[in-house]
Amino acid sequence: MMKPKVYFTRRTDKEGLLELYQRLGVTLEGNVAVKLHSGEKGNQNYVRPEFVRPLIELVQGTVVECNTAYDGARNSTKKHLELMQEHGWSKYFRVDILDANQDLELAIPNGMTIKKNYIGADLKNYDSMLVLSHFKGHPMGGFGGAIKQLSIGCASSAGKAYIHTAGKTTDQTKLWNLVAPQNQFLEAMADAATSVVEYLKGKIVYINMLVNLSVDCDCCAVAEDPCMQDIGMMISLDPLAIDQACIDMVYASKDKGRDHFVARVERQNGLHTLEAAEHMGLGSRSYELVNMDE
């Protein structure tokens, strides 16, 4: 079996992002959902709309998000839409909060930890998806990339509680009293990601941007400043391969902040997400890296 290709460039400009997408040679069809992180209020590290604007306009996409399951500026549709306006997303793009009205339950019969997933029901209105992930650390997952965007990112508010508690509850008010053991949480993310890929029948393109490399997620209102220099950007049709390639590049880095970033990944046993995703058949941890700069 051929290894999936992961295309990489050290460029971190919006023109380079366009070239990265065009190099893949795949056209997203129909109504395109663009899943990204809109950034929590107060966060300084999220990728700005101006950076991704040319690409989103090229695919004629709608920026989609789901509400959070914790206190903040994105835990209700009203507040979330207000923040999307404040952060500039609504200025340039159509915006859709996928779980604004209801949830859609997806079955995961072979799930490691959860057997169902709850996503924003509006995803049914889309034919394909561009997953634009800001690759960075994460206080709970260790790191966040394509798999996290597919799982926590596409999950409704109730679905986020369900993943974090490994299937114990969909009640956000009970989430923090029922948080699952770490490995079960990571496995639940892999389970949930698999259900979204199957739902869209693989009509997904993944871009990971290795910029603003903080150990904290864009969901943190108060996040650490980046600890590493920007590395570049990647694109692939395989969510596991692209996340593995990002991890490999961080681990191989000689940057003085590398150890701090890796410590966050390993504190949360983040590599188990990749192991679980492989077990679920989400993709391949072996890949062919194509350096577009050579």
C-alpha atoms as a PDB file:
ATOM      1  CA  MET A   1       0.000   0.000   0.000  1.00  0.00           C
ATOM      2  CA  MET A   2       1.334   3.426  -0.916  1.00  0.00           C
ATOM      3  CA  LYS A   3       2.062   5.777   1.952  1.00  0.00           C
ATOM      4  CA  PRO A   4      -0.146   8.886   2.056  1.00  0.00           C
ATOM      5  CA  LYS A   5       1.543  12.060   0.873  1.00  0.00           C
ATOM      6  CA  VAL A   6       1.991  15.019   3.190  1.00  0.00           C
ATOM      7  CA  TYR A   7       3.061  18.176   1.356  1.00  0.00           C
ATOM      8  CA  PHE A   8       5.155  20.637   3.344  1.00  0.00           C
ATOM      9  CA  THR A   9       6.384  24.191   2.881  1.00  0.00           C
ATOM     10  CA  ARG A  10       8.340  26.394   5.224  1.00  0.00           C
ATOM     11  CA  ARG A  11       6.412  29.375   3.896  1.00  0.00           C
ATOM     12  CA  THR A  12       3.925  30.876   6.318  1.00  0.00           C
ATOM     13  CA  ASP A  13       2.251  33.483   4.127  1.00  0.00           C
ATOM     14  CA  LYS A  14      -1.240  33.466   2.637  1.00  0.00           C
ATOM     15  CA  GLU A  15       0.089  33.063  -0.895  1.00  0.00           C
ATOM     16  CA  GLY A  16       1.993  29.995   0.236  1.00  0.00           C
ATOM     17  CA  LEU A  17      -1.220  28.633   1.728  1.00  0.00           C
ATOM     18  CA  LEU A  18      -2.924  28.947  -1.649  1.00  0.00           C
ATOM     19  CA  GLU A  19      -0.027  27.203  -3.407  1.00  0.00           C
ATOM     20  CA  LEU A  20      -0.126  24.417  -0.832  1.00  0.00           C
ATOM     21  CA  TYR A  21      -3.793  23.726  -1.563  1.00  0.00           C
ATOM     22  CA  GLN A  22      -3.296  23.904  -5.304  1.00  0.00           C
ATOM     23  CA  ARG A  23      -0.337  21.499  -5.148  1.00  0.00           C
ATOM     24  CA  LEU A  24      -2.544  18.802  -3.645  1.00  0.00           C
ATOM     25  CA  GLY A  25      -4.552  18.786  -6.868  1.00  0.00           C
ATOM     26  CA  VAL A  26      -7.892  18.013  -5.225  1.00  0.00           C
ATOM     27  CA  THR A  27     -11.026  20.109  -5.666  1.00  0.00           C
ATOM     28  CA  LEU A  28     -13.523  20.216  -2.829  1.00  0.00           C
ATOM     29  CA  GLU A  29     -16.982  19.843  -4.350  1.00  0.00           C
ATOM     30  CA  GLY A  30     -20.389  21.277  -3.550  1.00  0.00           C
ATOM     31  CA  ASN A  31     -21.105  23.229  -0.394  1.00  0.00           C
ATOM     32  CA  VAL A  32     -17.752  23.411   1.416  1.00  0.00           C
ATOM     33  CA  ALA A  33     -17.511  23.682   5.200  1.00  0.00           C
ATOM     34  CA  VAL A  34     -14.286  25.265   6.436  1.00  0.00           C
ATOM     35  CA  LYS A  35     -13.655  24.016   9.964  1.00  0.00           C
ATOM     36  CA  LEU A  36     -11.245  26.188  11.905  1.00  0.00           C
ATOM     37  CA  HIS A  37     -10.744  27.588  15.390  1.00  0.00           C
ATOM     38  CA  SER A  38     -12.312  31.026  15.728  1.00  0.00           C
ATOM     39  CA  GLY A  39     -10.226  31.796  18.846  1.00  0.00           C
ATOM     40  CA  GLU A  40     -11.450  32.313  22.395  1.00  0.00           C
ATOM     41  CA  LYS A  41     -11.955  35.904  23.532  1.00  0.00           C
ATOM     42  CA  GLY A  42      -8.603  37.172  24.809  1.00  0.00           C
ATOM     43  CA  ASN A  43      -6.504  34.592  22.946  1.00  0.00           C
ATOM     44  CA  GLN A  44      -3.574  36.081  21.043  1.00  0.00           C
ATOM     45  CA  ASN A  45      -2.387  33.068  19.055  1.00  0.00           C
ATOM     46  CA  TYR A  46      -5.296  32.008  16.827  1.00  0.00           C
ATOM     47  CA  VAL A  47      -4.844  32.243  13.057  1.00  0.00           C
ATOM     48  CA  ARG A  48      -6.421  35.451  11.773  1.00  0.00           C
ATOM     49  CA  PRO A  49      -9.128  35.547   9.078  1.00  0.00           C
ATOM     50  CA  GLU A  50      -7.028  37.749   6.785  1.00  0.00           C
ATOM     51  CA  PHE A  51      -4.419  34.985   6.556  1.00  0.00           C
ATOM     52  CA  VAL A  52      -6.834  32.306   5.360  1.00  0.00           C
ATOM     53  CA  ARG A  53      -9.156  34.597   3.387  1.00  0.00           C
ATOM     54  CA  PRO A  54      -7.743  33.926  -0.120  1.00  0.00           C
ATOM     55  CA  LEU A  55      -7.993  30.158   0.362  1.00  0.00           C
ATOM     56  CA  ILE A  56     -11.514  30.216   1.812  1.00  0.00           C
ATOM     57  CA  GLU A  57     -12.630  32.442  -1.039  1.00  0.00           C
ATOM     58  CA  LEU A  58     -11.027  30.069  -3.539  1.00  0.00           C
ATOM     59  CA  VAL A  59     -13.026  27.093  -2.261  1.00  0.00           C
ATOM     60  CA  GLN A  60     -16.109  29.323  -1.756  1.00  0.00           C
ATOM     61  CA  GLY A  61     -16.373  27.941   1.748  1.00  0.00           C
ATOM     62  CA  THR A  62     -18.481  28.706   4.805  1.00  0.00           C
ATOM     63  CA  VAL A  63     -16.630  29.047   8.096  1.00  0.00           C
ATOM     64  CA  VAL A  64     -18.138  26.564  10.548  1.00  0.00           C
ATOM     65  CA  GLU A  65     -17.734  26.209  14.290  1.00  0.00           C
ATOM     66  CA  CYS A  66     -19.469  24.553  17.235  1.00  0.00           C
ATOM     67  CA  ASN A  67     -20.210  25.896  20.680  1.00  0.00           C
ATOM     68  CA  THR A  68     -17.971  25.024  23.602  1.00  0.00           C
ATOM     69  CA  ALA A  69     -18.847  23.046  26.721  1.00  0.00           C
ATOM     70  CA  TYR A  70     -17.111  25.351  29.193  1.00  0.00           C
ATOM     71  CA  ASP A  71     -17.534  28.921  30.375  1.00  0.00           C
ATOM     72  CA  GLY A  72     -16.317  31.602  28.013  1.00  0.00           C
ATOM     73  CA  ALA A  73     -17.328  33.670  25.014  1.00  0.00           C
ATOM     74  CA  ARG A  74     -18.223  30.703  22.790  1.00  0.00           C
ATOM     75  CA  ASN A  75     -20.523  28.553  24.934  1.00  0.00           C
ATOM     76  CA  SER A  76     -23.750  29.854  23.407  1.00  0.00           C
ATOM     77  CA  THR A  77     -24.655  30.599  19.821  1.00  0.00           C
ATOM     78  CA  LYS A  78     -25.423  34.236  20.568  1.00  0.00           C
ATOM     79  CA  LYS A  79     -22.069  34.882  22.263  1.00  0.00           C
ATOM     80  CA  HIS A  80     -20.199  32.800  19.717  1.00  0.00           C
ATOM     81  CA  LEU A  81     -21.608  34.759  16.793  1.00  0.00           C
ATOM     82  CA  GLU A  82     -20.759  38.023  18.540  1.00  0.00           C
ATOM     83  CA  LEU A  83     -17.157  36.855  18.963  1.00  0.00           C
ATOM     84  CA  MET A  84     -16.983  35.703  15.341  1.00  0.00           C
ATOM     85  CA  GLN A  85     -17.925  39.248  14.416  1.00  0.00           C
ATOM     86  CA  GLU A  86     -15.391  40.721  16.831  1.00  0.00           C
ATOM     87  CA  HIS A  87     -12.607  38.483  15.513  1.00  0.00           C
ATOM     88  CA  GLY A  88     -13.392  39.391  11.919  1.00  0.00           C
ATOM     89  CA  TRP A  89     -14.722  36.087  10.608  1.00  0.00           C
ATOM     90  CA  SER A  90     -18.168  37.449   9.801  1.00  0.00           C
ATOM     91  CA  LYS A  91     -16.620  40.412   8.017  1.00  0.00           C
ATOM     92  CA  TYR A  92     -15.237  38.206   5.243  1.00  0.00           C
ATOM     93  CA  PHE A  93     -17.156  34.929   5.278  1.00  0.00           C
ATOM     94  CA  ARG A  94     -20.471  33.224   5.749  1.00  0.00           C
ATOM     95  CA  VAL A  95     -20.460  31.805   9.265  1.00  0.00           C
ATOM     96  CA  ASP A  96     -22.396  28.810  10.562  1.00  0.00           C
ATOM     97  CA  ILE A  97     -22.515  27.601  14.180  1.00  0.00           C
ATOM     98  CA  LEU A  98     -23.221  23.956  13.411  1.00  0.00           C
ATOM     99  CA  ASP A  99     -24.952  23.113  16.685  1.00  0.00           C
ATOM    100  CA  ALA A 100     -27.013  26.304  16.872  1.00  0.00           C
ATOM    101  CA  ASN A 101     -30.286  24.379  16.583  1.00  0.00           C
ATOM    102  CA  GLN A 102     -29.709  20.688  17.254  1.00  0.00           C
ATOM    103  CA  ASP A 103     -27.256  17.811  17.350  1.00  0.00           C
ATOM    104  CA  LEU A 104     -26.726  14.928  14.957  1.00  0.00           C
ATOM    105  CA  GLU A 105     -25.869  11.543  16.475  1.00  0.00           C
ATOM    106  CA  LEU A 106     -23.303   9.423  14.631  1.00  0.00           C
ATOM    107  CA  ALA A 107     -22.780   5.754  15.439  1.00  0.00           C
ATOM    108  CA  ILE A 108     -19.286   4.416  16.183  1.00  0.00           C
ATOM    109  CA  PRO A 109     -19.900   0.648  16.401  1.00  0.00           C
ATOM    110  CA  ASN A 110     -16.209  -0.207  16.686  1.00  0.00           C
ATOM    111  CA  GLY A 111     -15.238   2.680  18.955  1.00  0.00           C
ATOM    112  CA  MET A 112     -12.512   2.054  21.492  1.00  0.00           C
ATOM    113  CA  THR A 113     -14.172   4.130  24.213  1.00  0.00           C
ATOM    114  CA  ILE A 114     -17.389   5.677  22.862  1.00  0.00           C
ATOM    115  CA  LYS A 115     -19.933   4.094  20.532  1.00  0.00           C
ATOM    116  CA  LYS A 116     -21.591   7.279  19.360  1.00  0.00           C
ATOM    117  CA  ASN A 117     -20.717  10.902  18.713  1.00  0.00           C
ATOM    118  CA  TYR A 118     -22.755  14.116  18.751  1.00  0.00           C
ATOM    119  CA  ILE A 119     -21.894  16.720  16.129  1.00  0.00           C
ATOM    120  CA  GLY A 120     -23.489  19.972  15.041  1.00  0.00           C
ATOM    121  CA  ALA A 121     -26.495  18.962  12.920  1.00  0.00           C
ATOM    122  CA  ASP A 122     -25.864  21.699  10.348  1.00  0.00           C
ATOM    123  CA  LEU A 123     -22.967  19.633   9.007  1.00  0.00           C
ATOM    124  CA  LYS A 124     -25.602  17.749   7.008  1.00  0.00           C
ATOM    125  CA  ASN A 125     -25.885  20.849   4.801  1.00  0.00           C
ATOM    126  CA  TYR A 126     -22.329  20.441   3.482  1.00  0.00           C
ATOM    127  CA  ASP A 127     -20.844  18.158   0.830  1.00  0.00           C
ATOM    128  CA  SER A 128     -17.166  18.418   1.737  1.00  0.00           C
ATOM    129  CA  MET A 129     -14.893  20.014   4.293  1.00  0.00           C
ATOM    130  CA  LEU A 130     -11.602  21.874   4.504  1.00  0.00           C
ATOM    131  CA  VAL A 131     -10.077  21.358   7.949  1.00  0.00           C
ATOM    132  CA  LEU A 132      -7.801  24.318   8.682  1.00  0.00           C
ATOM    133  CA  SER A 133      -5.940  23.454  11.869  1.00  0.00           C
ATOM    134  CA  HIS A 134      -3.612  25.686  13.811  1.00  0.00           C
ATOM    135  CA  PHE A 135      -1.169  23.071  15.097  1.00  0.00           C
ATOM    136  CA  LYS A 136      -0.186  23.899  18.666  1.00  0.00           C
ATOM    137  CA  GLY A 137      -0.025  22.450  22.150  1.00  0.00           C
ATOM    138  CA  HIS A 138      -3.080  21.771  24.267  1.00  0.00           C
ATOM    139  CA  PRO A 139      -3.590  21.712  28.044  1.00  0.00           C
ATOM    140  CA  MET A 140      -5.744  18.555  27.896  1.00  0.00           C
ATOM    141  CA  GLY A 141      -4.853  16.762  24.663  1.00  0.00           C
ATOM    142  CA  GLY A 142      -1.136  17.578  24.703  1.00  0.00           C
ATOM    143  CA  PHE A 143      -1.386  18.914  21.164  1.00  0.00           C
ATOM    144  CA  GLY A 144      -4.103  19.911  18.737  1.00  0.00           C
ATOM    145  CA  GLY A 145      -4.180  19.343  15.001  1.00  0.00           C
ATOM    146  CA  ALA A 146      -6.429  17.691  12.420  1.00  0.00           C
ATOM    147  CA  ILE A 147      -7.703  14.911  14.690  1.00  0.00           C
ATOM    148  CA  LYS A 148      -8.724  17.361  17.382  1.00  0.00           C
ATOM    149  CA  GLN A 149     -10.541  19.525  14.811  1.00  0.00           C
ATOM    150  CA  LEU A 150     -12.464  16.486  13.580  1.00  0.00           C
ATOM    151  CA  SER A 151     -13.393  15.360  17.073  1.00  0.00           C
ATOM    152  CA  ILE A 152     -13.714  18.134  19.646  1.00  0.00           C
ATOM    153  CA  GLY A 153     -13.976  20.760  16.908  1.00  0.00           C
ATOM    154  CA  CYS A 154     -16.934  19.192  15.089  1.00  0.00           C
ATOM    155  CA  ALA A 155     -18.635  17.993  18.267  1.00  0.00           C
ATOM    156  CA  SER A 156     -21.615  19.932  19.516  1.00  0.00           C
ATOM    157  CA  SER A 157     -21.490  21.392  22.990  1.00  0.00           C
ATOM    158  CA  ALA A 158     -23.091  18.186  24.288  1.00  0.00           C
ATOM    159  CA  GLY A 159     -20.723  16.131  22.150  1.00  0.00           C
ATOM    160  CA  LYS A 160     -17.702  17.847  23.631  1.00  0.00           C
ATOM    161  CA  ALA A 161     -18.903  16.882  27.114  1.00  0.00           C
ATOM    162  CA  TYR A 162     -19.477  13.332  25.883  1.00  0.00           C
ATOM    163  CA  ILE A 163     -15.932  13.018  24.501  1.00  0.00           C
ATOM    164  CA  HIS A 164     -14.260  14.577  27.536  1.00  0.00           C
ATOM    165  CA  THR A 165     -16.124  12.211  29.859  1.00  0.00           C
ATOM    166  CA  ALA A 166     -15.635   9.173  27.586  1.00  0.00           C
ATOM    167  CA  GLY A 167     -19.365   8.707  27.197  1.00  0.00           C
ATOM    168  CA  LYS A 168     -20.533   9.371  30.750  1.00  0.00           C
ATOM    169  CA  THR A 169     -22.602  12.478  30.048  1.00  0.00           C
ATOM    170  CA  THR A 170     -23.684  15.050  27.478  1.00  0.00           C
ATOM    171  CA  ASP A 171     -24.491  17.511  30.265  1.00  0.00           C
ATOM    172  CA  GLN A 172     -21.939  20.328  30.147  1.00  0.00           C
ATOM    173  CA  THR A 173     -22.699  21.243  33.769  1.00  0.00           C
ATOM    174  CA  LYS A 174     -21.457  17.815  34.880  1.00  0.00           C
ATOM    175  CA  LEU A 175     -18.418  17.675  32.605  1.00  0.00           C
ATOM    176  CA  TRP A 176     -15.708  18.665  35.063  1.00  0.00           C
ATOM    177  CA  ASN A 177     -16.950  16.257  37.731  1.00  0.00           C
ATOM    178  CA  LEU A 178     -16.883  13.336  35.302  1.00  0.00           C
ATOM    179  CA  VAL A 179     -13.738  13.935  33.246  1.00  0.00           C
ATOM    180  CA  ALA A 180     -12.452  10.605  31.940  1.00  0.00           C
ATOM    181  CA  PRO A 181      -9.044   9.080  32.631  1.00  0.00           C
ATOM    182  CA  GLN A 182      -6.588  10.642  30.193  1.00  0.00           C
ATOM    183  CA  ASN A 183      -6.113   7.723  27.812  1.00  0.00           C
ATOM    184  CA  GLN A 184      -9.863   7.168  27.563  1.00  0.00           C
ATOM    185  CA  PHE A 185     -10.339  10.827  26.645  1.00  0.00           C
ATOM    186  CA  LEU A 186      -7.689  10.569  23.923  1.00  0.00           C
ATOM    187  CA  GLU A 187      -9.252   7.368  22.606  1.00  0.00           C
ATOM    188  CA  ALA A 188     -12.675   9.034  22.586  1.00  0.00           C
ATOM    189  CA  MET A 189     -11.217  11.802  20.411  1.00  0.00           C
ATOM    190  CA  ALA A 190      -9.952   9.209  17.928  1.00  0.00           C
ATOM    191  CA  ASP A 191     -13.355   7.483  17.957  1.00  0.00           C
ATOM    192  CA  ALA A 192     -15.195  10.743  17.337  1.00  0.00           C
ATOM    193  CA  ALA A 193     -12.830  11.797  14.550  1.00  0.00           C
ATOM    194  CA  THR A 194     -13.423   8.509  12.774  1.00  0.00           C
ATOM    195  CA  SER A 195     -17.188   9.066  12.803  1.00  0.00           C
ATOM    196  CA  VAL A 196     -16.868  12.468  11.106  1.00  0.00           C
ATOM    197  CA  VAL A 197     -14.558  11.106   8.398  1.00  0.00           C
ATOM    198  CA  GLU A 198     -17.001   8.292   7.695  1.00  0.00           C
ATOM    199  CA  TYR A 199     -19.952  10.683   7.673  1.00  0.00           C
ATOM    200  CA  LEU A 200     -18.344  12.867   4.993  1.00  0.00           C
ATOM    201  CA  LYS A 201     -17.127   9.781   3.144  1.00  0.00           C
ATOM    202  CA  GLY A 202     -13.561  11.057   3.094  1.00  0.00           C
ATOM    203  CA  LYS A 203     -14.390  14.277   1.207  1.00  0.00           C
ATOM    204  CA  ILE A 204     -12.043  16.229   3.437  1.00  0.00           C
ATOM    205  CA  VAL A 205      -8.757  18.082   2.903  1.00  0.00           C
ATOM    206  CA  TYR A 206      -6.507  18.767   5.890  1.00  0.00           C
ATOM    207  CA  ILE A 207      -4.148  21.702   6.342  1.00  0.00           C
ATOM    208  CA  ASN A 208      -2.032  22.084   9.489  1.00  0.00           C
ATOM    209  CA  MET A 209      -0.351  25.432  10.101  1.00  0.00           C
ATOM    210  CA  LEU A 210       2.693  25.148  12.374  1.00  0.00           C
ATOM    211  CA  VAL A 211       2.702  28.790  13.423  1.00  0.00           C
ATOM    212  CA  ASN A 212       2.342  30.608  16.755  1.00  0.00           C
ATOM    213  CA  LEU A 213       3.554  27.424  18.441  1.00  0.00           C
ATOM    214  CA  SER A 214       2.295  27.874  21.976  1.00  0.00           C
ATOM    215  CA  VAL A 215       1.840  24.998  24.408  1.00  0.00           C
ATOM    216  CA  ASP A 216      -1.704  26.296  24.909  1.00  0.00           C
ATOM    217  CA  CYS A 217      -4.715  25.996  22.631  1.00  0.00           C
ATOM    218  CA  ASP A 218      -6.617  28.794  20.918  1.00  0.00           C
ATOM    219  CA  CYS A 219      -9.444  27.924  23.330  1.00  0.00           C
ATOM    220  CA  CYS A 220      -7.447  29.477  26.190  1.00  0.00           C
ATOM    221  CA  ALA A 221      -8.431  33.063  26.963  1.00  0.00           C
ATOM    222  CA  VAL A 222      -5.063  33.446  28.677  1.00  0.00           C
ATOM    223  CA  ALA A 223      -2.511  31.478  26.694  1.00  0.00           C
ATOM    224  CA  GLU A 224       1.249  31.244  26.838  1.00  0.00           C
ATOM    225  CA  ASP A 225       3.042  33.115  24.097  1.00  0.00           C
ATOM    226  CA  PRO A 226       4.597  30.905  21.393  1.00  0.00           C
ATOM    227  CA  CYS A 227       7.695  29.056  22.600  1.00  0.00           C
ATOM    228  CA  MET A 228       9.007  28.018  19.165  1.00  0.00           C
ATOM    229  CA  GLN A 229       9.639  29.742  15.873  1.00  0.00           C
ATOM    230  CA  ASP A 230       7.136  29.058  13.072  1.00  0.00           C
ATOM    231  CA  ILE A 231       7.933  25.834  11.186  1.00  0.00           C
ATOM    232  CA  GLY A 232       5.696  25.962   8.106  1.00  0.00           C
ATOM    233  CA  MET A 233       2.490  24.455   6.739  1.00  0.00           C
ATOM    234  CA  MET A 234       1.325  21.011   5.602  1.00  0.00           C
ATOM    235  CA  ILE A 235      -1.537  19.557   3.565  1.00  0.00           C
ATOM    236  CA  SER A 236      -2.769  15.985   3.170  1.00  0.00           C
ATOM    237  CA  LEU A 237      -5.800  13.793   2.590  1.00  0.00           C
ATOM    238  CA  ASP A 238      -4.867  11.763   5.683  1.00  0.00           C
ATOM    239  CA  PRO A 239      -5.579  13.325   9.110  1.00  0.00           C
ATOM    240  CA  LEU A 240      -3.374  10.918  11.028  1.00  0.00           C
ATOM    241  CA  ALA A 241      -0.442  11.266   8.637  1.00  0.00           C
ATOM    242  CA  ILE A 242      -0.507  15.068   8.794  1.00  0.00           C
ATOM    243  CA  ASP A 243      -0.669  15.135  12.602  1.00  0.00           C
ATOM    244  CA  GLN A 244       2.132  12.568  12.823  1.00  0.00           C
ATOM    245  CA  ALA A 245       4.242  14.606  10.392  1.00  0.00           C
ATOM    246  CA  CYS A 246       3.751  17.721  12.531  1.00  0.00           C
ATOM    247  CA  ILE A 247       4.731  15.878  15.705  1.00  0.00           C
ATOM    248  CA  ASP A 248       7.784  14.409  13.969  1.00  0.00           C
ATOM    249  CA  MET A 249       8.873  17.851  12.812  1.00  0.00           C
ATOM    250  CA  VAL A 250       8.467  19.351  16.284  1.00  0.00           C
ATOM    251  CA  TYR A 251      10.382  16.485  17.894  1.00  0.00           C
ATOM    252  CA  ALA A 252      13.198  16.833  15.339  1.00  0.00           C
ATOM    253  CA  SER A 253      13.436  20.603  15.814  1.00  0.00           C
ATOM    254  CA  LYS A 254      16.586  22.264  17.187  1.00  0.00           C
ATOM    255  CA  ASP A 255      14.549  25.244  18.381  1.00  0.00           C
ATOM    256  CA  LYS A 256      15.288  26.275  21.947  1.00  0.00           C
ATOM    257  CA  GLY A 257      11.582  26.012  22.809  1.00  0.00           C
ATOM    258  CA  ARG A 258      11.244  22.477  21.492  1.00  0.00           C
ATOM    259  CA  ASP A 259      11.674  20.782  24.876  1.00  0.00           C
ATOM    260  CA  HIS A 260       8.968  22.937  26.474  1.00  0.00           C
ATOM    261  CA  PHE A 261       6.509  22.038  23.693  1.00  0.00           C
ATOM    262  CA  VAL A 262       7.369  18.343  23.841  1.00  0.00           C
ATOM    263  CA  ALA A 263       6.984  18.363  27.617  1.00  0.00           C
ATOM    264  CA  ARG A 264       3.373  19.527  27.197  1.00  0.00           C
ATOM    265  CA  VAL A 265       2.664  16.784  24.646  1.00  0.00           C
ATOM    266  CA  GLU A 266       4.146  14.097  26.859  1.00  0.00           C
ATOM    267  CA  ARG A 267       2.621  15.389  30.105  1.00  0.00           C
ATOM    268  CA  GLN A 268      -0.776  14.638  28.590  1.00  0.00           C
ATOM    269  CA  ASN A 269       0.383  11.441  26.823  1.00  0.00           C
ATOM    270  CA  GLY A 270      -0.678  13.147  23.595  1.00  0.00           C
ATOM    271  CA  LEU A 271       1.000  10.578  21.346  1.00  0.00           C
ATOM    272  CA  HIS A 272      -1.650   8.081  22.443  1.00  0.00           C
ATOM    273  CA  THR A 273      -4.128   9.990  20.281  1.00  0.00           C
ATOM    274  CA  LEU A 274      -2.068   8.945  17.261  1.00  0.00           C
ATOM    275  CA  GLU A 275      -1.913   5.344  18.495  1.00  0.00           C
ATOM    276  CA  ALA A 276      -5.674   5.269  19.016  1.00  0.00           C
ATOM    277  CA  ALA A 277      -6.352   6.851  15.616  1.00  0.00           C
ATOM    278  CA  GLU A 278      -4.175   4.205  13.977  1.00  0.00           C
ATOM    279  CA  HIS A 279      -6.085   1.475  15.810  1.00  0.00           C
ATOM    280  CA  MET A 280      -9.350   2.969  14.548  1.00  0.00           C
ATOM    281  CA  GLY A 281      -8.097   2.966  10.963  1.00  0.00           C
ATOM    282  CA  LEU A 282      -8.311   6.747  10.700  1.00  0.00           C
ATOM    283  CA  GLY A 283      -5.171   6.882   8.585  1.00  0.00           C
ATOM    284  CA  SER A 284      -1.498   6.014   8.540  1.00  0.00           C
ATOM    285  CA  ARG A 285       1.341   7.033  10.851  1.00  0.00           C
ATOM    286  CA  SER A 286       3.724   6.280   7.978  1.00  0.00           C
ATOM    287  CA  TYR A 287       3.763   8.897   5.255  1.00  0.00           C
ATOM    288  CA  GLU A 288       5.740  10.362   2.381  1.00  0.00           C
ATOM    289  CA  LEU A 289       6.800  13.933   3.105  1.00  0.00           C
ATOM    290  CA  VAL A 290       6.966  16.048  -0.068  1.00  0.00           C
ATOM    291  CA  ASN A 291       8.987  19.207   0.494  1.00  0.00           C
ATOM    292  CA  MET A 292       7.590  21.858  -1.829  1.00  0.00           C
ATOM    293  CA  ASP A 293      10.591  24.122  -1.212  1.00  0.00           C
ATOM    294  CA  GLU A 294      13.073  21.771  -2.873  1.00  0.00           C
END
